Amino acid sequence: MTAGPKHGARAAKAAATRERMLKAARQLFVENGYTATKMQAIAAEAGVAVQTLYFTFDNKRAILKELLDVEVAGDALPITSLDRPWAAQALAAPPADMLRQLVAKTAEIHDRVAPILEVVRSAAATDPEIAELWQTNITQRHTVMAVFTGALAAKGGLRGGINALRAADVALAIMAPEIYLLLTRDRGWSEQEWAEWAASTLARSLLTECS
């Protein structure tokens, strides 16, 4: 059986309400920080009853986790970064172009998610559950980097004296959201300037001369 028009309309309305709540939470988390932002404030900003907010997300940590997932992906689809078309395209490219494509996608993602990651990083110092969320995000980013540096090694693109795991550590550091925010938000770099710096720094650090 297929869903009727009324069911479809209800689902669309619920999705729109969920998106509105996430948008409100994002604004308040970035402006005021995680700890200072209360569920009542998020509900008021979203124009919903606080009971609706709790029914949808259970608690504030659940909101932050889903917001982080959506901001990283750019949508609400349950598809990991490595399973998205951009990753397959980049992994198939020659080493230098592979890094450029990875950096370009990272810049796009950081433009959305870096302010939220800063919220997570700041709250992690005093909230063990958020600290776990922060560490999970680092692990996920490192996993992506390791897949790319493993592909570089398989193509013979990694310089001598560095293995794929150490190369992933280097890429994780160069493309960290903290560095992105330091240079773009605090030092006034454009996203393009950051991307050019990150790509050239990665190439010098990781690639063989012939790559």
Protein backbone atom coordinates (compact mmCIF):
# COMPACT_ATOMS: atom_id res chain seq x y z
CA MET A 1 0.00 0.00 0.00
CA THR A 2 1.13 3.52 -0.75
CA ALA A 3 0.76 6.44 1.62
CA GLY A 4 -2.23 8.64 0.95
CA PRO A 5 -2.16 12.41 0.42
CA LYS A 6 -3.02 13.12 4.06
CA HIS A 7 -0.17 10.93 5.31
CA GLY A 8 2.22 12.59 2.87
CA ALA A 9 1.12 16.03 3.98
CA ARG A 10 1.58 15.11 7.65
CA ALA A 11 5.05 13.72 6.98
CA ALA A 12 6.05 16.86 5.07
CA LYS A 13 4.75 19.06 7.87
CA ALA A 14 6.64 17.03 10.48
CA ALA A 15 9.85 17.23 8.43
CA ALA A 16 9.46 20.99 8.05
CA THR A 17 8.88 21.38 11.78
CA ARG A 18 11.95 19.25 12.56
CA GLU A 19 14.05 21.35 10.19
CA ARG A 20 12.76 24.55 11.82
CA MET A 21 13.69 23.26 15.27
CA LEU A 22 17.19 22.32 14.11
CA LYS A 23 17.62 25.74 12.50
CA ALA A 24 16.57 27.44 15.73
CA ALA A 25 18.94 25.28 17.77
CA ARG A 26 21.80 26.04 15.41
CA GLN A 27 21.30 29.77 15.76
CA LEU A 28 21.09 29.67 19.56
CA PHE A 29 23.97 27.21 20.02
CA VAL A 30 26.29 29.36 17.88
CA GLU A 31 25.18 32.64 19.48
CA ASN A 32 24.99 31.55 23.13
CA GLY A 33 26.83 28.24 23.43
CA TYR A 34 25.48 24.80 24.22
CA THR A 35 25.24 25.07 28.00
CA ALA A 36 23.49 28.45 28.04
CA THR A 37 20.91 27.40 25.45
CA LYS A 38 17.77 25.94 27.05
CA MET A 39 15.19 23.70 25.45
CA GLN A 40 12.52 26.32 26.15
CA ALA A 41 14.52 28.90 24.19
CA ILE A 42 14.90 26.56 21.21
CA ALA A 43 11.16 25.82 21.22
CA ALA A 44 10.32 29.51 21.39
CA GLU A 45 12.72 30.36 18.55
CA ALA A 46 11.25 27.56 16.43
CA GLY A 47 7.67 28.55 17.24
CA VAL A 48 6.71 25.18 18.72
CA ALA A 49 5.61 23.96 22.13
CA VAL A 50 8.46 22.72 24.30
CA GLN A 51 6.63 19.39 24.57
CA THR A 52 6.89 19.04 20.78
CA LEU A 53 10.62 19.63 20.98
CA TYR A 54 11.06 16.96 23.67
CA PHE A 55 8.81 14.53 21.79
CA THR A 56 10.92 14.95 18.65
CA PHE A 57 14.43 14.93 20.14
CA ASP A 58 14.23 13.64 23.76
CA ASN A 59 16.94 16.03 24.97
CA LYS A 60 19.35 18.80 24.00
CA ARG A 61 22.24 16.45 23.27
CA ALA A 62 20.10 14.61 20.71
CA ILE A 63 19.41 17.92 18.99
CA LEU A 64 23.10 18.77 18.83
CA LYS A 65 24.00 15.30 17.51
CA GLU A 66 21.40 15.39 14.74
CA LEU A 67 22.30 18.97 13.88
CA LEU A 68 25.95 17.96 13.56
CA ASP A 69 25.07 15.01 11.31
CA VAL A 70 22.86 17.14 9.06
CA GLU A 71 25.39 19.96 8.81
CA VAL A 72 28.22 17.58 7.89
CA ALA A 73 26.14 15.87 5.21
CA GLY A 74 24.33 18.95 3.92
CA ASP A 75 21.05 17.02 4.06
CA ALA A 76 19.15 14.56 6.23
CA LEU A 77 19.79 11.49 4.06
CA PRO A 78 21.35 8.53 5.94
CA ILE A 79 24.38 8.31 3.64
CA THR A 80 27.91 8.47 5.00
CA SER A 81 30.49 10.83 3.53
CA LEU A 82 32.45 7.98 1.97
CA ASP A 83 29.32 6.60 0.28
CA ARG A 84 28.52 9.88 -1.46
CA PRO A 85 29.34 10.46 -5.15
CA TRP A 86 31.95 13.14 -4.47
CA ALA A 87 34.08 10.66 -2.51
CA ALA A 88 34.10 8.05 -5.27
CA GLN A 89 34.98 10.71 -7.84
CA ALA A 90 37.83 12.09 -5.73
CA LEU A 91 39.24 8.66 -4.88
CA ALA A 92 39.42 7.79 -8.57
CA ALA A 93 41.50 10.90 -9.40
CA PRO A 94 45.31 11.14 -9.63
CA PRO A 95 47.00 11.94 -6.28
CA ALA A 96 47.33 15.73 -6.55
CA ASP A 97 43.81 16.13 -7.94
CA MET A 98 42.49 13.76 -5.30
CA LEU A 99 43.79 16.05 -2.57
CA ARG A 100 42.41 19.14 -4.29
CA GLN A 101 38.96 17.56 -4.50
CA LEU A 102 39.12 16.44 -0.86
CA VAL A 103 40.08 19.94 0.25
CA ALA A 104 37.35 21.55 -1.87
CA LYS A 105 34.71 19.30 -0.32
CA THR A 106 36.12 19.87 3.16
CA ALA A 107 35.89 23.64 2.64
CA GLU A 108 32.25 23.27 1.63
CA ILE A 109 31.53 21.13 4.69
CA HIS A 110 33.44 23.37 7.09
CA ASP A 111 31.53 26.40 5.85
CA ARG A 112 28.40 24.73 7.23
CA VAL A 113 29.64 22.73 10.18
CA ALA A 114 32.73 24.44 11.67
CA PRO A 115 30.69 26.81 13.90
CA ILE A 116 28.72 23.82 15.23
CA LEU A 117 31.90 21.85 15.82
CA GLU A 118 33.22 24.79 17.81
CA VAL A 119 30.08 24.57 19.97
CA VAL A 120 30.73 20.85 20.47
CA ARG A 121 34.43 21.36 21.24
CA SER A 122 33.70 24.09 23.78
CA ALA A 123 30.96 22.12 25.55
CA ALA A 124 33.11 18.97 25.63
CA ALA A 125 35.29 20.48 28.37
CA THR A 126 32.47 20.27 30.93
CA ASP A 127 29.99 17.73 29.53
CA PRO A 128 31.15 14.09 29.28
CA GLU A 129 28.43 13.17 26.77
CA ILE A 130 29.38 16.04 24.49
CA ALA A 131 33.05 15.11 24.94
CA GLU A 132 32.14 11.68 23.57
CA LEU A 133 30.37 13.32 20.62
CA TRP A 134 33.48 15.42 19.93
CA GLN A 135 35.77 12.39 20.02
CA THR A 136 33.40 10.48 17.73
CA ASN A 137 33.53 13.31 15.22
CA ILE A 138 37.34 13.34 15.30
CA THR A 139 37.36 9.58 14.72
CA GLN A 140 34.95 9.94 11.80
CA ARG A 141 37.06 12.66 10.21
CA HIS A 142 40.21 10.58 10.66
CA THR A 143 38.50 7.58 9.07
CA VAL A 144 37.72 9.63 5.97
CA MET A 145 41.28 10.91 5.81
CA ALA A 146 42.66 7.38 6.22
CA VAL A 147 40.63 6.13 3.27
CA PHE A 148 42.05 8.92 1.12
CA THR A 149 45.63 8.50 2.27
CA GLY A 150 45.30 4.74 1.82
CA ALA A 151 44.25 5.43 -1.78
CA LEU A 152 47.26 7.74 -2.18
CA ALA A 153 49.55 4.97 -0.94
CA ALA A 154 47.96 2.46 -3.32
CA LYS A 155 48.59 4.83 -6.24
CA GLY A 156 52.22 5.29 -5.17
CA GLY A 157 51.57 8.93 -4.39
CA LEU A 158 52.80 9.12 -0.79
CA ARG A 159 56.30 10.46 -0.24
CA GLY A 160 58.93 8.20 1.29
CA GLY A 161 59.07 7.87 5.07
CA ILE A 162 55.36 8.37 5.71
CA ASN A 163 52.72 5.66 5.83
CA ALA A 164 49.00 6.01 5.18
CA LEU A 165 48.06 6.24 8.87
CA ARG A 166 50.57 8.99 9.63
CA ALA A 167 49.49 10.78 6.45
CA ALA A 168 45.90 10.64 7.73
CA ASP A 169 47.07 12.27 10.98
CA VAL A 170 48.71 15.07 9.00
CA ALA A 171 45.60 15.61 6.87
CA LEU A 172 43.41 15.61 9.99
CA ALA A 173 45.53 18.38 11.52
CA ILE A 174 45.81 20.55 8.42
CA MET A 175 42.09 20.36 7.69
CA ALA A 176 40.90 20.62 11.29
CA PRO A 177 37.82 22.83 11.75
CA GLU A 178 39.67 24.77 14.45
CA ILE A 179 42.31 25.81 11.91
CA TYR A 180 39.62 26.61 9.35
CA LEU A 181 37.87 28.95 11.81
CA LEU A 182 41.14 30.49 12.98
CA LEU A 183 42.06 31.51 9.44
CA THR A 184 38.63 32.34 7.98
CA ARG A 185 36.69 33.78 10.91
CA ASP A 186 39.52 35.19 13.04
CA ARG A 187 42.12 36.11 10.41
CA GLY A 188 39.82 37.09 7.57
CA TRP A 189 40.86 34.52 4.97
CA SER A 190 38.33 33.63 2.30
CA GLU A 191 37.20 30.02 1.93
CA GLN A 192 39.13 29.90 -1.36
CA GLU A 193 42.31 31.17 0.29
CA TRP A 194 42.00 28.50 2.97
CA ALA A 195 41.43 25.81 0.33
CA GLU A 196 44.48 26.88 -1.68
CA TRP A 197 46.64 26.88 1.46
CA ALA A 198 45.34 23.51 2.66
CA ALA A 199 45.79 21.86 -0.74
CA SER A 200 49.33 23.16 -1.22
CA THR A 201 50.33 22.29 2.37
CA LEU A 202 48.96 18.77 2.02
CA ALA A 203 50.73 18.28 -1.31
CA ARG A 204 54.08 19.42 0.10
CA SER A 205 53.63 17.27 3.22
CA LEU A 206 52.35 14.08 1.65
CA LEU A 207 52.99 13.69 -2.05
CA THR A 208 55.96 12.42 -3.96
CA GLU A 209 57.50 14.98 -6.30
CA CYS A 210 56.10 13.24 -9.36
CA SER A 211 52.51 13.19 -8.07
